[in-house]
PDB file of N, CA and C in Angstrom:
ATOM      1  N   UNK A   1     -15.012  -1.572 -25.754  1.00  0.00           N
ATOM      2  CA  UNK A   1     -16.066  -0.439 -25.579  1.00  0.00           C
ATOM      3  C   UNK A   1     -15.816  -0.235 -27.508  1.00  0.00           C
ATOM      4  N   UNK A   2     -16.128   0.169 -28.455  1.00  0.00           N
ATOM      5  CA  UNK A   2     -16.019   0.229 -30.467  1.00  0.00           C
ATOM      6  C   UNK A   2     -16.003   1.887 -30.164  1.00  0.00           C
ATOM      7  N   UNK A   3     -14.183   2.046 -31.065  1.00  0.00           N
ATOM      8  CA  UNK A   3     -13.837   3.506 -31.464  1.00  0.00           C
ATOM      9  C   UNK A   3     -14.581   3.523 -33.100  1.00  0.00           C
ATOM     10  N   UNK A   4     -14.478   5.499 -32.816  1.00  0.00           N
ATOM     11  CA  UNK A   4     -14.864   5.551 -34.568  1.00  0.00           C
ATOM     12  C   UNK A   4     -14.471   5.820 -34.611  1.00  0.00           C
ATOM     13  N   UNK A   5     -14.235   6.174 -36.249  1.00  0.00           N
ATOM     14  CA  UNK A   5     -13.673   7.844 -37.143  1.00  0.00           C
ATOM     15  C   UNK A   5     -14.733   8.331 -37.635  1.00  0.00           C
ATOM     16  N   UNK A   6     -14.708  10.399 -37.671  1.00  0.00           N
ATOM     17  CA  UNK A   6     -15.946  11.235 -38.223  1.00  0.00           C
ATOM     18  C   UNK A   6     -15.972  11.946 -39.037  1.00  0.00           C
ATOM     19  N   UNK A   7     -15.186  11.694 -39.660  1.00  0.00           N
ATOM     20  CA  UNK A   7     -14.400  11.825 -41.073  1.00  0.00           C
ATOM     21  C   UNK A   7     -15.749  12.822 -41.857  1.00  0.00           C
ATOM     22  N   UNK A   8     -15.077  13.914 -41.764  1.00  0.00           N
ATOM     23  CA  UNK A   8     -15.493  15.762 -42.465  1.00  0.00           C
ATOM     24  C   UNK A   8     -14.921  15.022 -44.448  1.00  0.00           C
ATOM     25  N   UNK A   9     -15.409  15.325 -45.319  1.00  0.00           N
ATOM     26  CA  UNK A   9     -15.310  15.517 -46.514  1.00  0.00           C
ATOM     27  C   UNK A   9     -15.558  16.428 -47.232  1.00  0.00           C
ATOM     28  N   UNK A  10     -14.571  16.882 -47.360  1.00  0.00           N
ATOM     29  CA  UNK A  10     -14.453  18.775 -49.138  1.00  0.00           C
ATOM     30  C   UNK A  10     -14.857  17.615 -50.144  1.00  0.00           C
ATOM     31  N   UNK A  11     -15.120  18.566 -51.304  1.00  0.00           N
ATOM     32  CA  UNK A  11     -15.613  17.295 -52.809  1.00  0.00           C
ATOM     33  C   UNK A  11     -14.606  19.042 -53.132  1.00  0.00           C
ATOM     34  N   UNK A  12     -14.309  18.847 -54.469  1.00  0.00           N
ATOM     35  CA  UNK A  12     -13.681  19.462 -55.405  1.00  0.00           C
ATOM     36  C   UNK A  12     -14.672  20.521 -55.993  1.00  0.00           C
ATOM     37  N   UNK A  13     -16.135  19.301 -56.846  1.00  0.00           N
ATOM     38  CA  UNK A  13     -17.384  20.061 -56.948  1.00  0.00           C
ATOM     39  C   UNK A  13     -18.063  18.064 -56.499  1.00  0.00           C
ATOM     40  N   UNK A  14     -19.884  18.424 -57.402  1.00  0.00           N
ATOM     41  CA  UNK A  14     -21.362  18.297 -57.008  1.00  0.00           C
ATOM     42  C   UNK A  14     -20.554  17.369 -56.878  1.00  0.00           C
ATOM     43  N   UNK A  15     -19.989  16.704 -58.327  1.00  0.00           N
ATOM     44  CA  UNK A  15     -19.370  15.843 -59.335  1.00  0.00           C
ATOM     45  C   UNK A  15     -18.411  14.512 -59.233  1.00  0.00           C
ATOM     46  N   UNK A  16     -17.450  14.986 -57.868  1.00  0.00           N
ATOM     47  CA  UNK A  16     -16.551  14.352 -57.062  1.00  0.00           C
ATOM     48  C   UNK A  16     -17.508  13.676 -56.273  1.00  0.00           C
ATOM     49  N   UNK A  17     -18.681  14.035 -55.208  1.00  0.00           N
ATOM     50  CA  UNK A  17     -19.289  13.814 -54.061  1.00  0.00           C
ATOM     51  C   UNK A  17     -19.405  11.962 -54.699  1.00  0.00           C
ATOM     52  N   UNK A  18     -19.860  12.393 -55.439  1.00  0.00           N
ATOM     53  CA  UNK A  18     -20.195  10.854 -56.655  1.00  0.00           C
ATOM     54  C   UNK A  18     -19.958   9.488 -57.370  1.00  0.00           C
ATOM     55  N   UNK A  19     -18.363  10.498 -57.280  1.00  0.00           N
ATOM     56  CA  UNK A  19     -17.207   9.995 -57.540  1.00  0.00           C
ATOM     57  C   UNK A  19     -16.287   9.235 -56.091  1.00  0.00           C
ATOM     58  N   UNK A  20     -16.405   9.420 -55.885  1.00  0.00           N
ATOM     59  CA  UNK A  20     -16.258   9.400 -54.279  1.00  0.00           C
ATOM     60  C   UNK A  20     -16.599   8.020 -53.866  1.00  0.00           C
ATOM     61  N   UNK A  21     -18.272   7.829 -53.399  1.00  0.00           N
ATOM     62  CA  UNK A  21     -19.580   7.021 -53.761  1.00  0.00           C
ATOM     63  C   UNK A  21     -18.768   5.524 -54.665  1.00  0.00           C
ATOM     64  N   UNK A  22     -18.216   6.213 -55.885  1.00  0.00           N
ATOM     65  CA  UNK A  22     -18.126   4.618 -56.646  1.00  0.00           C
ATOM     66  C   UNK A  22     -16.987   4.147 -56.583  1.00  0.00           C
ATOM     67  N   UNK A  23     -16.070   5.571 -55.910  1.00  0.00           N
ATOM     68  CA  UNK A  23     -14.799   4.614 -55.136  1.00  0.00           C
ATOM     69  C   UNK A  23     -14.704   3.951 -54.103  1.00  0.00           C
ATOM     70  N   UNK A  24     -15.392   4.654 -53.529  1.00  0.00           N
ATOM     71  CA  UNK A  24     -16.126   3.378 -51.667  1.00  0.00           C
ATOM     72  C   UNK A  24     -16.521   1.356 -52.029  1.00  0.00           C
ATOM     73  N   UNK A  25     -17.714   2.431 -53.313  1.00  0.00           N
ATOM     74  CA  UNK A  25     -18.413   0.507 -53.638  1.00  0.00           C
ATOM     75  C   UNK A  25     -17.352  -0.096 -54.574  1.00  0.00           C
ATOM     76  N   UNK A  26     -15.983   0.553 -54.486  1.00  0.00           N
ATOM     77  CA  UNK A  26     -15.301  -0.732 -55.139  1.00  0.00           C
ATOM     78  C   UNK A  26     -14.475  -0.915 -54.863  1.00  0.00           C
ATOM     79  N   UNK A  27     -14.074   0.155 -53.728  1.00  0.00           N
ATOM     80  CA  UNK A  27     -13.111  -0.672 -52.260  1.00  0.00           C
ATOM     81  C   UNK A  27     -13.000  -0.996 -52.146  1.00  0.00           C
ATOM     82  N   UNK A  28     -14.356  -0.908 -50.891  1.00  0.00           N
ATOM     83  CA  UNK A  28     -14.372  -1.463 -49.995  1.00  0.00           C
ATOM     84  C   UNK A  28     -14.756  -1.516 -49.017  1.00  0.00           C
ATOM     85  N   UNK A  29     -14.938  -0.983 -47.366  1.00  0.00           N
ATOM     86  CA  UNK A  29     -14.402  -0.364 -46.846  1.00  0.00           C
ATOM     87  C   UNK A  29     -13.249  -0.672 -45.313  1.00  0.00           C
ATOM     88  N   UNK A  30     -11.915  -0.142 -44.444  1.00  0.00           N
ATOM     89  CA  UNK A  30     -11.219  -0.590 -44.312  1.00  0.00           C
ATOM     90  C   UNK A  30     -11.527  -2.127 -43.295  1.00  0.00           C
ATOM     91  N   UNK A  31     -10.412  -2.420 -43.293  1.00  0.00           N
ATOM     92  CA  UNK A  31     -10.356  -3.808 -42.951  1.00  0.00           C
ATOM     93  C   UNK A  31     -10.789  -3.908 -40.915  1.00  0.00           C
ATOM     94  N   UNK A  32     -11.142  -5.103 -40.521  1.00  0.00           N
ATOM     95  CA  UNK A  32     -12.358  -4.893 -39.246  1.00  0.00           C
ATOM     96  C   UNK A  32     -13.385  -4.394 -38.733  1.00  0.00           C
ATOM     97  N   UNK A  33     -13.835  -3.181 -40.323  1.00  0.00           N
ATOM     98  CA  UNK A  33     -14.981  -2.035 -40.229  1.00  0.00           C
ATOM     99  C   UNK A  33     -15.835  -2.671 -39.430  1.00  0.00           C
ATOM    100  N   UNK A  34     -16.766  -2.579 -38.743  1.00  0.00           N
ATOM    101  CA  UNK A  34     -18.678  -3.429 -38.010  1.00  0.00           C
ATOM    102  C   UNK A  34     -19.645  -2.429 -39.211  1.00  0.00           C
ATOM    103  N   UNK A  35     -18.968  -1.139 -39.157  1.00  0.00           N
ATOM    104  CA  UNK A  35     -20.305  -0.224 -38.898  1.00  0.00           C
ATOM    105  C   UNK A  35     -18.904   0.886 -40.790  1.00  0.00           C
ATOM    106  N   UNK A  36     -20.512   0.878 -41.507  1.00  0.00           N
ATOM    107  CA  UNK A  36     -19.550   2.289 -42.356  1.00  0.00           C
ATOM    108  C   UNK A  36     -20.420   2.690 -42.545  1.00  0.00           C
ATOM    109  N   UNK A  37     -20.767   4.837 -42.914  1.00  0.00           N
ATOM    110  CA  UNK A  37     -21.846   5.354 -43.448  1.00  0.00           C
ATOM    111  C   UNK A  37     -20.305   6.329 -44.506  1.00  0.00           C
ATOM    112  N   UNK A  38     -21.995   6.390 -45.277  1.00  0.00           N
ATOM    113  CA  UNK A  38     -20.524   8.095 -46.126  1.00  0.00           C
ATOM    114  C   UNK A  38     -22.219   8.562 -46.429  1.00  0.00           C
ATOM    115  N   UNK A  39     -22.636   9.832 -46.474  1.00  0.00           N
ATOM    116  CA  UNK A  39     -24.098  10.977 -45.984  1.00  0.00           C
ATOM    117  C   UNK A  39     -23.237  11.986 -46.473  1.00  0.00           C
ATOM    118  N   UNK A  40     -23.821  12.373 -47.901  1.00  0.00           N
ATOM    119  CA  UNK A  40     -24.002  13.889 -48.358  1.00  0.00           C
ATOM    120  C   UNK A  40     -24.172  14.992 -47.576  1.00  0.00           C
ATOM    121  N   UNK A  41     -23.750  15.706 -47.120  1.00  0.00           N
ATOM    122  CA  UNK A  41     -24.532  16.907 -46.381  1.00  0.00           C
ATOM    123  C   UNK A  41     -25.361  17.670 -46.958  1.00  0.00           C
ATOM    124  N   UNK A  42     -24.054  18.288 -48.427  1.00  0.00           N
ATOM    125  CA  UNK A  42     -24.374  19.391 -49.000  1.00  0.00           C
ATOM    126  C   UNK A  42     -23.605  19.356 -50.472  1.00  0.00           C
ATOM    127  N   UNK A  43     -23.952  20.238 -50.926  1.00  0.00           N
ATOM    128  CA  UNK A  43     -23.492  19.894 -52.287  1.00  0.00           C
ATOM    129  C   UNK A  43     -22.599  19.755 -53.310  1.00  0.00           C
ATOM    130  N   UNK A  44     -21.102  19.406 -52.366  1.00  0.00           N
ATOM    131  CA  UNK A  44     -19.455  19.343 -52.152  1.00  0.00           C
ATOM    132  C   UNK A  44     -19.436  18.850 -51.225  1.00  0.00           C
ATOM    133  N   UNK A  45     -20.423  18.735 -50.816  1.00  0.00           N
ATOM    134  CA  UNK A  45     -19.522  18.334 -48.407  1.00  0.00           C
ATOM    135  C   UNK A  45     -19.801  16.580 -48.828  1.00  0.00           C
ATOM    136  N   UNK A  46     -19.683  16.242 -47.673  1.00  0.00           N
ATOM    137  CA  UNK A  46     -19.830  15.173 -46.369  1.00  0.00           C
ATOM    138  C   UNK A  46     -18.846  14.638 -45.394  1.00  0.00           C
ATOM    139  N   UNK A  47     -20.561  13.330 -45.340  1.00  0.00           N
ATOM    140  CA  UNK A  47     -19.294  13.381 -44.228  1.00  0.00           C
ATOM    141  C   UNK A  47     -18.987  11.173 -43.708  1.00  0.00           C
ATOM    142  N   UNK A  48     -18.509  10.886 -42.534  1.00  0.00           N
ATOM    143  CA  UNK A  48     -17.840   9.581 -43.014  1.00  0.00           C
ATOM    144  C   UNK A  48     -17.971   8.639 -41.609  1.00  0.00           C
ATOM    145  N   UNK A  49     -18.647   8.224 -41.390  1.00  0.00           N
ATOM    146  CA  UNK A  49     -18.544   7.614 -40.612  1.00  0.00           C
ATOM    147  C   UNK A  49     -18.301   6.019 -40.386  1.00  0.00           C
ATOM    148  N   UNK A  50     -17.493   5.539 -39.418  1.00  0.00           N
ATOM    149  CA  UNK A  50     -17.164   4.340 -39.302  1.00  0.00           C
ATOM    150  C   UNK A  50     -16.640   4.188 -37.643  1.00  0.00           C
ATOM    151  N   UNK A  51     -17.128   2.624 -37.621  1.00  0.00           N
ATOM    152  CA  UNK A  51     -16.816   1.539 -36.444  1.00  0.00           C
ATOM    153  C   UNK A  51     -16.036   1.149 -36.384  1.00  0.00           C
ATOM    154  N   UNK A  52     -15.235   0.764 -35.407  1.00  0.00           N
ATOM    155  CA  UNK A  52     -14.134  -0.501 -35.035  1.00  0.00           C
ATOM    156  C   UNK A  52     -14.143  -0.548 -33.406  1.00  0.00           C
ATOM    157  N   UNK A  53     -13.593  -2.289 -34.046  1.00  0.00           N
ATOM    158  CA  UNK A  53     -13.383  -2.345 -32.573  1.00  0.00           C
ATOM    159  C   UNK A  53     -13.219  -2.715 -31.402  1.00  0.00           C
ATOM    160  N   UNK A  54     -11.520  -1.689 -32.479  1.00  0.00           N
ATOM    161  CA  UNK A  54     -10.706  -1.095 -31.265  1.00  0.00           C
ATOM    162  C   UNK A  54      -9.945  -0.189 -31.702  1.00  0.00           C
ATOM    163  N   UNK A  55      -9.207   0.026 -30.427  1.00  0.00           N
ATOM    164  CA  UNK A  55      -8.457   1.306 -31.545  1.00  0.00           C
ATOM    165  C   UNK A  55      -7.071   0.899 -32.191  1.00  0.00           C
ATOM    166  N   UNK A  56      -6.844  -0.128 -32.335  1.00  0.00           N
ATOM    167  CA  UNK A  56      -5.707  -0.844 -33.431  1.00  0.00           C
ATOM    168  C   UNK A  56      -6.328  -0.410 -34.616  1.00  0.00           C
ATOM    169  N   UNK A  57      -7.793  -0.795 -35.132  1.00  0.00           N
ATOM    170  CA  UNK A  57      -8.530  -1.013 -36.167  1.00  0.00           C
ATOM    171  C   UNK A  57      -8.349  -0.132 -36.434  1.00  0.00           C
ATOM    172  N   UNK A  58      -8.960   1.169 -35.972  1.00  0.00           N
ATOM    173  CA  UNK A  58      -9.504   2.333 -36.164  1.00  0.00           C
ATOM    174  C   UNK A  58      -7.929   3.216 -36.618  1.00  0.00           C
ATOM    175  N   UNK A  59      -6.997   3.338 -35.582  1.00  0.00           N
ATOM    176  CA  UNK A  59      -5.325   3.771 -36.185  1.00  0.00           C
ATOM    177  C   UNK A  59      -5.331   3.450 -37.751  1.00  0.00           C
ATOM    178  N   UNK A  60      -5.538   1.491 -38.229  1.00  0.00           N
ATOM    179  CA  UNK A  60      -4.905   1.356 -39.021  1.00  0.00           C
ATOM    180  C   UNK A  60      -6.221   1.896 -40.150  1.00  0.00           C
ATOM    181  N   UNK A  61      -6.566   2.307 -40.082  1.00  0.00           N
ATOM    182  CA  UNK A  61      -8.047   2.048 -40.946  1.00  0.00           C
ATOM    183  C   UNK A  61      -7.295   4.054 -41.087  1.00  0.00           C
ATOM    184  N   UNK A  62      -7.136   4.527 -40.624  1.00  0.00           N
ATOM    185  CA  UNK A  62      -6.320   5.943 -40.689  1.00  0.00           C
ATOM    186  C   UNK A  62      -5.341   6.216 -41.239  1.00  0.00           C
ATOM    187  N   UNK A  63      -4.670   5.221 -41.488  1.00  0.00           N
ATOM    188  CA  UNK A  63      -3.105   4.748 -42.409  1.00  0.00           C
ATOM    189  C   UNK A  63      -3.235   4.585 -43.101  1.00  0.00           C
ATOM    190  N   UNK A  64      -4.685   3.947 -43.583  1.00  0.00           N
ATOM    191  CA  UNK A  64      -5.050   3.346 -44.982  1.00  0.00           C
ATOM    192  C   UNK A  64      -5.927   4.748 -45.747  1.00  0.00           C
ATOM    193  N   UNK A  65      -6.721   5.104 -44.644  1.00  0.00           N
ATOM    194  CA  UNK A  65      -7.318   6.986 -45.822  1.00  0.00           C
ATOM    195  C   UNK A  65      -6.583   8.196 -45.875  1.00  0.00           C
ATOM    196  N   UNK A  66      -5.189   7.869 -44.911  1.00  0.00           N
ATOM    197  CA  UNK A  66      -4.177   8.767 -45.092  1.00  0.00           C
ATOM    198  C   UNK A  66      -3.447   8.555 -46.644  1.00  0.00           C
ATOM    199  N   UNK A  67      -3.164   7.804 -47.138  1.00  0.00           N
ATOM    200  CA  UNK A  67      -2.437   7.011 -48.062  1.00  0.00           C
ATOM    201  C   UNK A  67      -3.397   6.395 -49.436  1.00  0.00           C
ATOM    202  N   UNK A  68      -5.188   6.515 -49.385  1.00  0.00           N
ATOM    203  CA  UNK A  68      -5.762   6.853 -50.842  1.00  0.00           C
ATOM    204  C   UNK A  68      -6.457   8.697 -50.711  1.00  0.00           C
ATOM    205  N   UNK A  69      -6.316   9.063 -49.596  1.00  0.00           N
ATOM    206  CA  UNK A  69      -6.491  10.428 -49.530  1.00  0.00           C
ATOM    207  C   UNK A  69      -5.045  11.339 -50.670  1.00  0.00           C
ATOM    208  N   UNK A  70      -4.052  10.824 -50.403  1.00  0.00           N
ATOM    209  CA  UNK A  70      -2.691  11.868 -51.245  1.00  0.00           C
ATOM    210  C   UNK A  70      -2.468  10.586 -52.078  1.00  0.00           C
ATOM    211  N   UNK A  71      -2.807   9.684 -52.272  1.00  0.00           N
ATOM    212  CA  UNK A  71      -2.710   9.459 -53.776  1.00  0.00           C
ATOM    213  C   UNK A  71      -3.975   9.319 -54.826  1.00  0.00           C
ATOM    214  N   UNK A  72      -5.031   8.092 -54.673  1.00  0.00           N
ATOM    215  CA  UNK A  72      -6.066   7.885 -54.671  1.00  0.00           C
ATOM    216  C   UNK A  72      -7.126   8.838 -55.496  1.00  0.00           C
ATOM    217  N   UNK A  73      -7.891  10.031 -54.111  1.00  0.00           N
ATOM    218  CA  UNK A  73      -8.426  10.524 -54.215  1.00  0.00           C
ATOM    219  C   UNK A  73      -7.606  12.510 -54.163  1.00  0.00           C
ATOM    220  N   UNK A  74      -6.536  12.553 -54.337  1.00  0.00           N
ATOM    221  CA  UNK A  74      -5.831  13.684 -54.231  1.00  0.00           C
ATOM    222  C   UNK A  74      -6.425  14.772 -55.062  1.00  0.00           C
ATOM    223  N   UNK A  75      -7.020  14.468 -56.633  1.00  0.00           N
ATOM    224  CA  UNK A  75      -8.014  14.600 -57.837  1.00  0.00           C
ATOM    225  C   UNK A  75      -9.074  15.020 -57.019  1.00  0.00           C
ATOM    226  N   UNK A  76      -9.606  14.079 -56.185  1.00  0.00           N
ATOM    227  CA  UNK A  76     -10.837  15.037 -56.253  1.00  0.00           C
ATOM    228  C   UNK A  76     -11.538  15.506 -54.709  1.00  0.00           C
ATOM    229  N   UNK A  77     -10.986  15.042 -54.170  1.00  0.00           N
ATOM    230  CA  UNK A  77     -10.576  15.291 -52.320  1.00  0.00           C
ATOM    231  C   UNK A  77     -10.697  17.153 -51.912  1.00  0.00           C
ATOM    232  N   UNK A  78     -11.187  17.808 -51.699  1.00  0.00           N
ATOM    233  CA  UNK A  78     -10.320  18.706 -51.624  1.00  0.00           C
ATOM    234  C   UNK A  78      -9.974  18.863 -50.383  1.00  0.00           C
ATOM    235  N   UNK A  79     -10.458  18.491 -49.347  1.00  0.00           N
ATOM    236  CA  UNK A  79     -10.273  18.808 -47.823  1.00  0.00           C
ATOM    237  C   UNK A  79     -10.806  17.214 -46.898  1.00  0.00           C
ATOM    238  N   UNK A  80      -9.503  16.555 -46.224  1.00  0.00           N
ATOM    239  CA  UNK A  80     -10.732  16.089 -45.572  1.00  0.00           C
ATOM    240  C   UNK A  80     -10.240  15.751 -43.728  1.00  0.00           C
ATOM    241  N   UNK A  81     -11.347  16.412 -43.105  1.00  0.00           N
ATOM    242  CA  UNK A  81     -10.963  16.422 -41.967  1.00  0.00           C
ATOM    243  C   UNK A  81     -11.328  14.647 -40.580  1.00  0.00           C
ATOM    244  N   UNK A  82     -10.481  14.864 -40.355  1.00  0.00           N
ATOM    245  CA  UNK A  82     -10.716  13.625 -39.319  1.00  0.00           C
ATOM    246  C   UNK A  82     -11.356  13.778 -38.007  1.00  0.00           C
ATOM    247  N   UNK A  83     -11.435  13.245 -37.413  1.00  0.00           N
ATOM    248  CA  UNK A  83     -12.191  12.938 -36.003  1.00  0.00           C
ATOM    249  C   UNK A  83     -12.362  11.858 -34.975  1.00  0.00           C
ATOM    250  N   UNK A  84     -11.577  11.608 -34.049  1.00  0.00           N
ATOM    251  CA  UNK A  84     -11.800   9.911 -33.850  1.00  0.00           C
ATOM    252  C   UNK A  84     -12.882   9.816 -32.662  1.00  0.00           C
ATOM    253  N   UNK A  85     -12.934   8.955 -32.260  1.00  0.00           N
ATOM    254  CA  UNK A  85     -13.349   9.528 -30.397  1.00  0.00           C
ATOM    255  C   UNK A  85     -14.457   8.133 -29.962  1.00  0.00           C
ATOM    256  N   UNK A  86     -14.215   7.017 -28.757  1.00  0.00           N
ATOM    257  CA  UNK A  86     -14.833   6.515 -28.249  1.00  0.00           C
ATOM    258  C   UNK A  86     -17.392   6.072 -28.867  1.00  0.00           C
ATOM    259  N   UNK A  87     -17.812   5.067 -28.594  1.00  0.00           N
ATOM    260  CA  UNK A  87     -18.660   5.111 -29.662  1.00  0.00           C
ATOM    261  C   UNK A  87     -19.924   4.799 -27.932  1.00  0.00           C
ATOM    262  N   UNK A  88     -20.488   5.942 -27.240  1.00  0.00           N
ATOM    263  CA  UNK A  88     -20.975   5.596 -26.125  1.00  0.00           C
ATOM    264  C   UNK A  88     -22.601   5.640 -26.475  1.00  0.00           C
ATOM    265  N   UNK A  89     -23.064   5.789 -27.452  1.00  0.00           N
ATOM    266  CA  UNK A  89     -24.479   4.896 -27.764  1.00  0.00           C
ATOM    267  C   UNK A  89     -24.723   3.863 -28.725  1.00  0.00           C
ATOM    268  N   UNK A  90     -24.675   2.706 -29.753  1.00  0.00           N
ATOM    269  CA  UNK A  90     -24.642   2.392 -30.826  1.00  0.00           C
ATOM    270  C   UNK A  90     -25.751   1.319 -30.669  1.00  0.00           C
ATOM    271  N   UNK A  91     -27.119   1.729 -31.432  1.00  0.00           N
ATOM    272  CA  UNK A  91     -28.126   1.237 -32.336  1.00  0.00           C
ATOM    273  C   UNK A  91     -28.312   0.770 -33.543  1.00  0.00           C
ATOM    274  N   UNK A  92     -28.660  -0.393 -33.912  1.00  0.00           N
ATOM    275  CA  UNK A  92     -28.377  -0.811 -34.677  1.00  0.00           C
ATOM    276  C   UNK A  92     -29.616  -1.674 -35.038  1.00  0.00           C
ATOM    277  N   UNK A  93     -30.531  -1.512 -36.766  1.00  0.00           N
ATOM    278  CA  UNK A  93     -32.182  -2.255 -36.817  1.00  0.00           C
ATOM    279  C   UNK A  93     -32.822  -1.603 -35.464  1.00  0.00           C
ATOM    280  N   UNK A  94     -32.435  -0.361 -34.514  1.00  0.00           N
ATOM    281  CA  UNK A  94     -33.241  -0.060 -33.614  1.00  0.00           C
ATOM    282  C   UNK A  94     -33.130  -0.708 -31.320  1.00  0.00           C
ATOM    283  N   UNK A  95     -32.853  -1.842 -32.485  1.00  0.00           N
ATOM    284  CA  UNK A  95     -31.514  -2.380 -31.298  1.00  0.00           C
ATOM    285  C   UNK A  95     -30.235  -2.064 -30.714  1.00  0.00           C
ATOM    286  N   UNK A  96     -30.488  -1.241 -29.438  1.00  0.00           N
ATOM    287  CA  UNK A  96     -28.825  -1.303 -28.502  1.00  0.00           C
ATOM    288  C   UNK A  96     -27.767  -2.521 -28.363  1.00  0.00           C
ATOM    289  N   UNK A  97     -26.373  -1.971 -29.214  1.00  0.00           N
ATOM    290  CA  UNK A  97     -26.332  -3.117 -29.345  1.00  0.00           C
ATOM    291  C   UNK A  97     -25.210  -2.151 -28.404  1.00  0.00           C
ATOM    292  N   UNK A  98     -24.953  -4.024 -27.307  1.00  0.00           N
ATOM    293  CA  UNK A  98     -23.506  -3.382 -25.711  1.00  0.00           C
ATOM    294  C   UNK A  98     -22.270  -4.013 -26.219  1.00  0.00           C
TER     295      UNK A  98
END
């Protein structure tokens, strides 16, 4: 079963959301990531959803995210709230992935 990180972000200002999106595009996703989405949910907020094939891969992504948050992103991200869990239903291009 796949596992996911669902990460809520609160940024310093609206420009910081765009800065993060540019940073993410330039750095790419974490290793062994199957799916990654970054969605603006408000003027200064966003949510990230990342799916991994194993718990080990998800844990590795957690570690890398925490390292980035404390160094590269500390001046633009005000708060990061990470959640994680098993992926129970997964559709890709309208087709159920089993």
